[in-house]
Protein backbone atom coordinates (compact mmCIF):
# COMPACT_ATOMS: atom_id res chain seq x y z
CA MET A 1 10.28 -10.70 -17.03
CA LYS A 2 7.08 -12.47 -16.20
CA ILE A 3 5.02 -10.33 -13.64
CA CYS A 4 2.02 -10.87 -12.34
CA VAL A 5 -0.22 -8.40 -9.91
CA VAL A 6 -2.46 -9.60 -7.29
CA GLY A 7 -5.01 -7.46 -6.63
CA ALA A 8 -5.34 -5.00 -10.32
CA GLY A 9 -7.41 -2.31 -8.46
CA ALA A 10 -6.17 1.25 -7.99
CA ILE A 11 -2.26 1.07 -7.43
CA GLY A 12 -2.10 -2.68 -8.81
CA GLY A 13 -4.01 -1.41 -12.38
CA LEU A 14 -1.84 1.22 -12.62
CA LEU A 15 1.15 -1.27 -11.97
CA ALA A 16 -0.20 -3.81 -14.53
CA PHE A 17 -0.72 -1.33 -17.35
CA ARG A 18 2.48 0.44 -16.96
CA LEU A 19 4.62 -2.81 -16.97
CA ALA A 20 2.59 -4.45 -19.77
CA ALA A 21 3.06 -0.93 -22.06
CA ALA A 22 6.56 -1.71 -21.54
CA GLY A 23 6.83 -4.92 -22.92
CA HIS A 24 6.57 -7.39 -19.83
CA ASP A 25 4.44 -10.53 -19.62
CA VAL A 26 1.68 -9.43 -17.33
CA SER A 27 -1.08 -11.24 -15.97
CA VAL A 28 -3.34 -9.64 -13.39
CA VAL A 29 -5.58 -11.85 -10.44
CA ALA A 30 -8.70 -10.14 -9.69
CA ARG A 31 -12.32 -10.76 -9.17
CA GLY A 32 -15.83 -10.35 -10.47
CA ALA A 33 -16.93 -7.55 -12.93
CA HIS A 34 -13.50 -6.23 -12.56
CA ARG A 35 -11.67 -9.02 -13.75
CA GLU A 36 -14.29 -9.72 -16.61
CA ALA A 37 -13.88 -6.37 -18.15
CA ILE A 38 -9.95 -6.89 -18.36
CA ALA A 39 -10.43 -10.47 -19.66
CA ALA A 40 -13.04 -9.02 -22.35
CA ARG A 41 -11.65 -5.53 -23.44
CA GLY A 42 -8.04 -5.31 -21.56
CA LEU A 43 -7.12 -2.86 -18.91
CA THR A 44 -7.74 0.66 -19.52
CA LEU A 45 -5.56 3.24 -18.06
CA VAL A 46 -6.89 7.06 -18.02
CA ASP A 47 -3.94 9.45 -17.30
CA HIS A 48 -5.21 12.35 -15.50
CA GLN A 49 -1.36 13.45 -15.75
CA ALA A 50 -1.63 13.54 -19.23
CA GLY A 51 -4.76 15.71 -19.90
CA GLY A 52 -7.32 12.58 -19.20
CA SER A 53 -6.08 10.52 -22.07
CA ALA A 54 -7.15 6.56 -22.10
CA SER A 55 -5.50 3.65 -23.84
CA SER A 56 -6.06 -0.16 -23.02
CA GLN A 57 -3.59 -3.05 -22.94
CA PRO A 58 -4.70 -6.48 -23.29
CA MET A 59 -3.92 -8.87 -20.23
CA HIS A 60 -4.59 -12.23 -18.87
CA ALA A 61 -6.84 -11.80 -16.04
CA THR A 62 -7.92 -14.87 -13.72
CA ASP A 63 -8.91 -15.30 -10.03
CA ASP A 64 -6.95 -18.34 -9.73
CA PRO A 65 -3.20 -17.62 -9.03
CA SER A 66 -2.21 -21.25 -9.37
CA SER A 67 -2.76 -21.20 -12.87
CA LEU A 68 -0.34 -18.98 -13.45
CA GLY A 69 3.08 -20.70 -12.70
CA VAL A 70 6.32 -19.56 -11.11
CA GLN A 71 6.47 -15.85 -12.00
CA ASP A 72 9.74 -13.39 -12.09
CA VAL A 73 8.10 -10.67 -9.77
CA VAL A 74 4.23 -11.02 -7.58
CA PHE A 75 3.20 -7.46 -6.92
CA ILE A 76 0.65 -7.37 -4.43
CA GLY A 77 -1.74 -4.56 -4.50
CA LEU A 78 -4.47 -6.20 -2.00
CA LYS A 79 -6.19 -4.48 0.93
CA ALA A 80 -4.43 -5.55 4.16
CA HIS A 81 -7.23 -7.26 5.35
CA ALA A 82 -7.65 -9.37 1.74
CA ILE A 83 -4.11 -10.77 2.16
CA PRO A 84 -4.89 -13.61 4.98
CA ASP A 85 -7.03 -15.68 2.75
CA LEU A 86 -4.97 -14.90 -0.30
CA LEU A 87 -1.34 -15.11 0.84
CA PRO A 88 -1.28 -18.85 0.93
CA ARG A 89 -2.85 -19.36 -2.85
CA ILE A 90 0.14 -16.94 -4.32
CA VAL A 91 2.86 -19.27 -2.69
CA PRO A 92 2.84 -21.59 -6.04
CA MET A 93 3.88 -18.31 -8.29
CA ILE A 94 6.79 -17.77 -5.97
CA GLY A 95 10.14 -19.73 -6.91
CA PRO A 96 13.38 -19.45 -5.54
CA ASP A 97 14.40 -16.32 -7.70
CA THR A 98 10.71 -14.67 -7.20
CA MET A 99 10.78 -11.08 -6.08
CA LEU A 100 7.23 -10.67 -3.97
CA VAL A 101 6.68 -7.11 -3.75
CA PRO A 102 3.78 -5.91 -1.17
CA ALA A 103 2.52 -2.43 -2.41
CA ILE A 104 0.51 -2.13 0.28
CA ASN A 105 -0.55 0.46 2.78
CA GLY A 106 -0.25 0.33 6.76
CA VAL A 107 2.08 -1.59 8.89
CA PRO A 108 3.24 -4.67 6.10
CA TRP A 109 2.89 -8.30 7.63
CA TRP A 110 6.54 -8.55 6.95
CA TYR A 111 7.82 -5.61 9.27
CA PHE A 112 9.45 -7.22 11.75
CA GLN A 113 10.83 -10.28 9.27
CA ASN A 114 14.36 -10.32 9.76
CA GLU A 115 14.38 -6.83 11.00
CA GLY A 116 17.39 -7.69 12.95
CA GLY A 117 16.31 -5.89 15.98
CA PRO A 118 15.00 -6.67 19.59
CA ASN A 119 11.90 -6.71 17.72
CA ASP A 120 12.96 -9.16 15.37
CA GLY A 121 9.61 -11.79 14.96
CA LEU A 122 7.23 -9.76 16.13
CA VAL A 123 3.98 -10.36 14.95
CA VAL A 124 1.44 -7.34 14.73
CA ARG A 125 -1.89 -9.07 15.18
CA SER A 126 -3.69 -5.97 13.46
CA VAL A 127 -2.47 -7.07 10.21
CA ASP A 128 -1.87 -10.93 11.01
CA PRO A 129 -4.60 -11.80 13.74
CA SER A 130 -3.88 -15.81 13.03
CA ALA A 131 -0.09 -15.22 13.10
CA THR A 132 -0.09 -17.16 9.57
CA LEU A 133 1.43 -15.10 7.56
CA HIS A 134 4.57 -14.09 9.24
CA GLY A 135 7.20 -16.88 7.70
CA LEU A 136 4.66 -18.03 4.98
CA VAL A 137 7.10 -16.49 2.76
CA LYS A 138 10.54 -15.99 3.60
CA ALA A 139 12.00 -12.60 4.26
CA SER A 140 14.47 -13.40 1.33
CA SER A 141 12.02 -13.60 -1.46
CA ILE A 142 10.02 -10.25 -0.56
CA VAL A 143 11.35 -6.67 -1.58
CA GLY A 144 9.51 -3.85 0.50
CA CYS A 145 7.46 -1.12 -1.58
CA VAL A 146 6.35 2.23 -0.40
CA VAL A 147 3.93 3.49 -3.14
CA HIS A 148 3.62 7.45 -3.66
CA ALA A 149 1.01 7.68 -6.28
CA ALA A 150 -2.94 7.92 -6.30
CA ALA A 151 -5.45 6.15 -8.76
CA GLU A 152 -8.65 5.25 -8.81
CA VAL A 153 -11.24 2.03 -10.29
CA ARG A 154 -14.35 4.14 -11.33
CA GLU A 155 -15.72 1.31 -13.44
CA PRO A 156 -14.65 -2.16 -13.89
CA GLY A 157 -11.77 -2.69 -16.03
CA VAL A 158 -11.04 1.28 -15.57
CA VAL A 159 -8.14 2.65 -13.92
CA HIS A 160 -7.91 6.61 -13.27
CA HIS A 161 -4.43 7.65 -12.70
CA THR A 162 -4.78 10.82 -10.76
CA LYS A 163 -1.45 11.62 -8.97
CA GLY A 164 2.31 10.91 -8.73
CA ARG A 165 4.72 8.02 -9.89
CA GLY A 166 6.60 7.33 -7.02
CA PHE A 167 7.59 3.89 -6.05
CA ILE A 168 10.41 3.10 -3.21
CA VAL A 169 11.63 -0.36 -3.42
CA GLY A 170 14.13 -2.08 -1.09
CA GLU A 171 15.33 -5.07 0.33
CA ILE A 172 13.62 -6.14 4.04
CA ASP A 173 16.07 -8.70 4.97
CA ARG A 174 19.05 -7.17 6.89
CA SER A 175 21.25 -9.96 6.89
CA LEU A 176 22.07 -9.25 3.35
CA ALA A 177 25.15 -7.04 3.08
CA ASP A 178 24.16 -4.39 0.68
CA PRO A 179 20.38 -3.38 0.52
CA SER A 180 20.68 -2.37 -3.03
CA THR A 181 21.19 -5.65 -4.62
CA ALA A 182 21.06 -6.57 -8.51
CA ARG A 183 17.82 -7.89 -8.04
CA VAL A 184 16.39 -4.81 -6.45
CA GLU A 185 18.35 -2.81 -9.41
CA ARG A 186 16.52 -4.93 -11.94
CA LEU A 187 13.01 -4.13 -10.32
CA ALA A 188 13.53 -0.37 -10.03
CA ALA A 189 14.82 -0.60 -13.95
CA ALA A 190 11.75 -2.42 -15.19
CA LEU A 191 9.44 0.52 -13.05
CA ARG A 192 11.43 3.22 -14.51
CA GLU A 193 10.73 2.03 -18.19
CA ALA A 194 7.32 1.61 -17.16
CA ARG A 195 7.27 5.04 -16.77
CA LEU A 196 7.12 5.36 -12.96
CA ASP A 197 9.66 7.09 -10.78
CA ALA A 198 11.42 4.24 -8.75
CA THR A 199 13.97 4.71 -6.04
CA ILE A 200 16.22 2.21 -4.16
CA SER A 201 15.72 2.56 -0.45
CA GLN A 202 18.78 1.73 1.90
CA ASP A 203 16.30 1.48 4.89
CA ILE A 204 12.78 0.55 3.47
CA ARG A 205 11.56 0.36 7.10
CA ARG A 206 11.99 4.20 7.58
CA ASP A 207 10.18 4.73 3.92
CA VAL A 208 7.25 2.76 5.40
CA TRP A 209 7.07 5.12 8.46
CA ALA A 210 7.43 8.17 6.50
CA LYS A 211 4.45 7.49 4.51
CA LEU A 212 2.38 5.75 7.34
CA ILE A 213 2.04 8.83 9.34
CA GLY A 214 0.58 10.83 6.71
CA ASN A 215 -2.00 7.74 6.09
CA LEU A 216 -2.52 6.92 9.87
CA SER A 217 -3.85 10.82 10.17
CA PHE A 218 -4.94 11.76 6.77
CA ASN A 219 -6.97 8.38 5.91
CA PRO A 220 -9.56 8.47 8.95
CA VAL A 221 -10.29 11.89 8.85
CA ALA A 222 -10.74 11.84 5.33
CA ALA A 223 -13.28 8.84 5.61
CA LEU A 224 -15.18 10.86 8.51
CA THR A 225 -15.17 14.34 6.56
CA TYR A 226 -14.97 13.05 2.56
CA ALA A 227 -12.44 15.86 2.25
CA ASP A 228 -10.37 15.56 -0.41
CA MET A 229 -6.38 16.20 -0.08
CA SER A 230 -6.49 19.70 -1.14
CA ARG A 231 -9.53 20.38 1.53
CA LEU A 232 -7.64 18.51 4.43
CA CYS A 233 -4.39 20.39 4.09
CA ALA A 234 -6.48 24.15 3.78
CA SER A 235 -8.51 23.52 6.49
CA ASP A 236 -7.57 25.27 10.03
CA GLY A 237 -9.99 23.12 11.86
CA LEU A 238 -8.76 19.84 10.07
CA LEU A 239 -5.25 20.47 10.41
CA ASP A 240 -5.47 21.27 14.16
CA ILE A 241 -6.47 17.32 13.90
CA LEU A 242 -3.89 15.96 11.77
CA ARG A 243 -0.96 17.61 13.54
CA PRO A 244 -1.43 15.73 16.87
CA MET A 245 -2.07 12.70 15.02
CA LEU A 246 1.35 13.26 13.26
CA VAL A 247 3.04 13.99 16.21
CA GLU A 248 1.74 10.96 17.96
CA GLY A 249 2.73 8.65 14.90
CA MET A 250 6.70 10.22 14.57
CA ALA A 251 6.67 9.19 18.60
CA VAL A 252 5.50 5.61 17.80
CA ALA A 253 8.02 5.04 14.96
CA ALA A 254 10.79 6.84 17.25
CA ALA A 255 10.01 4.28 19.95
CA TYR A 256 10.86 1.43 17.12
CA GLY A 257 13.86 3.17 16.22
CA VAL A 258 12.91 5.63 12.88
CA VAL A 259 13.46 8.99 13.39
CA ILE A 260 11.17 11.01 10.83
CA ALA A 261 13.13 13.72 9.94
CA MET A 262 10.57 16.70 9.23
CA THR A 263 7.89 18.49 11.32
CA PRO A 264 4.19 17.74 10.76
CA ASP A 265 3.97 20.66 8.62
CA GLN A 266 6.59 19.73 6.26
CA ARG A 267 4.49 16.16 6.27
CA ILE A 268 1.25 17.98 5.19
CA ASP A 269 3.36 19.96 2.65
CA VAL A 270 4.12 16.44 1.05
CA ALA A 271 0.59 15.76 1.20
CA ARG A 272 -0.50 18.88 -0.53
CA HIS A 273 1.31 17.70 -3.64
CA LEU A 274 -1.47 15.35 -4.29
CA GLY A 275 -3.73 18.20 -4.96
CA ARG A 276 -7.60 16.89 -5.03
CA ALA A 277 -6.68 13.17 -4.90
CA ARG A 278 -9.06 11.26 -2.77
CA ILE A 279 -7.19 9.02 -0.23
CA SER A 280 -7.90 5.33 -0.31
CA MET A 281 -10.33 5.21 2.91
CA HIS A 282 -11.96 8.17 1.51
CA GLN A 283 -12.52 6.03 -1.62
CA ASP A 284 -13.66 2.79 0.19
CA PHE A 285 -16.25 4.50 2.09
CA GLU A 286 -17.70 5.95 -0.74
CA ALA A 287 -17.74 2.55 -2.89
CA GLY A 288 -18.84 0.71 0.57
CA ARG A 289 -15.97 -1.41 0.68
CA LYS A 290 -14.31 -2.36 4.05
CA PRO A 291 -11.39 -0.07 4.99
CA GLU A 292 -8.37 -0.68 6.06
CA ILE A 293 -8.47 0.80 9.90
CA ASP A 294 -6.47 -2.16 11.19
CA ALA A 295 -3.76 -1.87 9.08
CA ILE A 296 -3.19 1.90 9.00
CA VAL A 297 -4.69 2.92 12.27
CA GLY A 298 -5.00 -0.01 14.35
CA ALA A 299 -1.84 -1.42 14.06
CA VAL A 300 0.22 1.88 14.97
CA VAL A 301 -1.70 1.98 18.05
CA GLU A 302 -0.89 -1.85 18.79
CA LEU A 303 2.65 -0.96 18.51
CA ALA A 304 2.52 2.01 20.50
CA GLU A 305 0.46 0.31 23.17
CA ARG A 306 3.48 -2.31 23.47
CA VAL A 307 6.04 0.57 24.24
CA GLY A 308 3.66 2.88 26.08
CA VAL A 309 3.41 5.80 23.89
CA PRO A 310 0.18 7.81 24.35
CA MET A 311 -1.94 8.26 21.29
CA PRO A 312 -5.13 9.74 22.49
CA THR A 313 -6.17 12.04 19.33
CA THR A 314 -5.26 8.93 16.90
CA ARG A 315 -7.63 6.71 19.47
CA LEU A 316 -10.40 9.33 19.11
CA VAL A 317 -10.17 9.58 15.60
CA MET A 318 -10.21 5.69 15.39
CA ALA A 319 -12.77 5.15 17.41
CA LEU A 320 -15.21 7.65 15.25
CA VAL A 321 -14.06 6.08 12.12
CA ARG A 322 -14.89 2.41 13.37
CA GLU A 323 -18.33 3.50 14.29
CA ARG A 324 -19.19 5.17 10.95
CA ALA A 325 -17.50 2.13 9.40
CA ILE A 326 -19.72 -0.26 11.55
CA SER A 327 -22.97 2.01 11.01
CA ASP A 328 -22.38 1.95 7.19
CA GLY A 329 -22.17 -1.87 7.12
CA LEU A 330 -18.43 -2.22 6.41
CA ILE A 331 -17.47 -4.06 9.17
CA ASP A 332 -18.70 -5.87 12.13
CA ALA A 333 -19.36 -4.52 15.15
């Protein structure tokens, strides 16, 4: 397939490398020194699940999506706050049969597109402040994706794959008769050929929430403490903060019709599988990048306010992490 990965950072870079190694025609949209390194030397993957072995794949890298033409698949690996500026530039790559696959954190902008319930069409302002994303790409072109893998970009052109290979994909358009459509089967097969663990979801929104409640809690606490996942899961003091945040996140999910069938401690056990990985917001703060506070935390608080679900611990932690980001010059006051 002809595949473009827009935002070839940690997860995007992992996808681009694996799919190119499986024989697909892969190009990436990247910026700055990272793009220059990929264009000059190819994309290098250091696989820490295979003893730290490194290999490279030659790859076309550009900062101009419109130059690439219509694709079979377009993955989005951008930070949520970068999507409003770039998504309109991606549209020329989307033909009638193109799959747009946002492999992103937080509440995705598409969440209420063709959702089919009482909130169908709702715009979440924390991720789509100008209401420009909703409807820019029709729901029938979008395939939802939830990522259970950890990776880092430690130098331009080099991605370190530290843990996990899980990618869950599924149709977001509930008007489709069968969420396990032929195109999703084809996408999952391509991911498996690329040595990634792909599963097809019959309810991708449920999988979004299952991951989101973990990101909602672990990400800001990691950003405040610089604790890796193993430390977060081992510290009694930090777990006393994480557990009520998980309970609050589950309550918001339930208010929108999604019951998370696990306890907070079972969700913490899932996080333990990431070992010593540094979660994304932790990486952003250390690297001096703008963190995804709005998409991962603010959006859930926004949804909670709409239905009257209290989130006292989450609000407290969000206030702290926002002030930390302001003090570090990563976001505006």
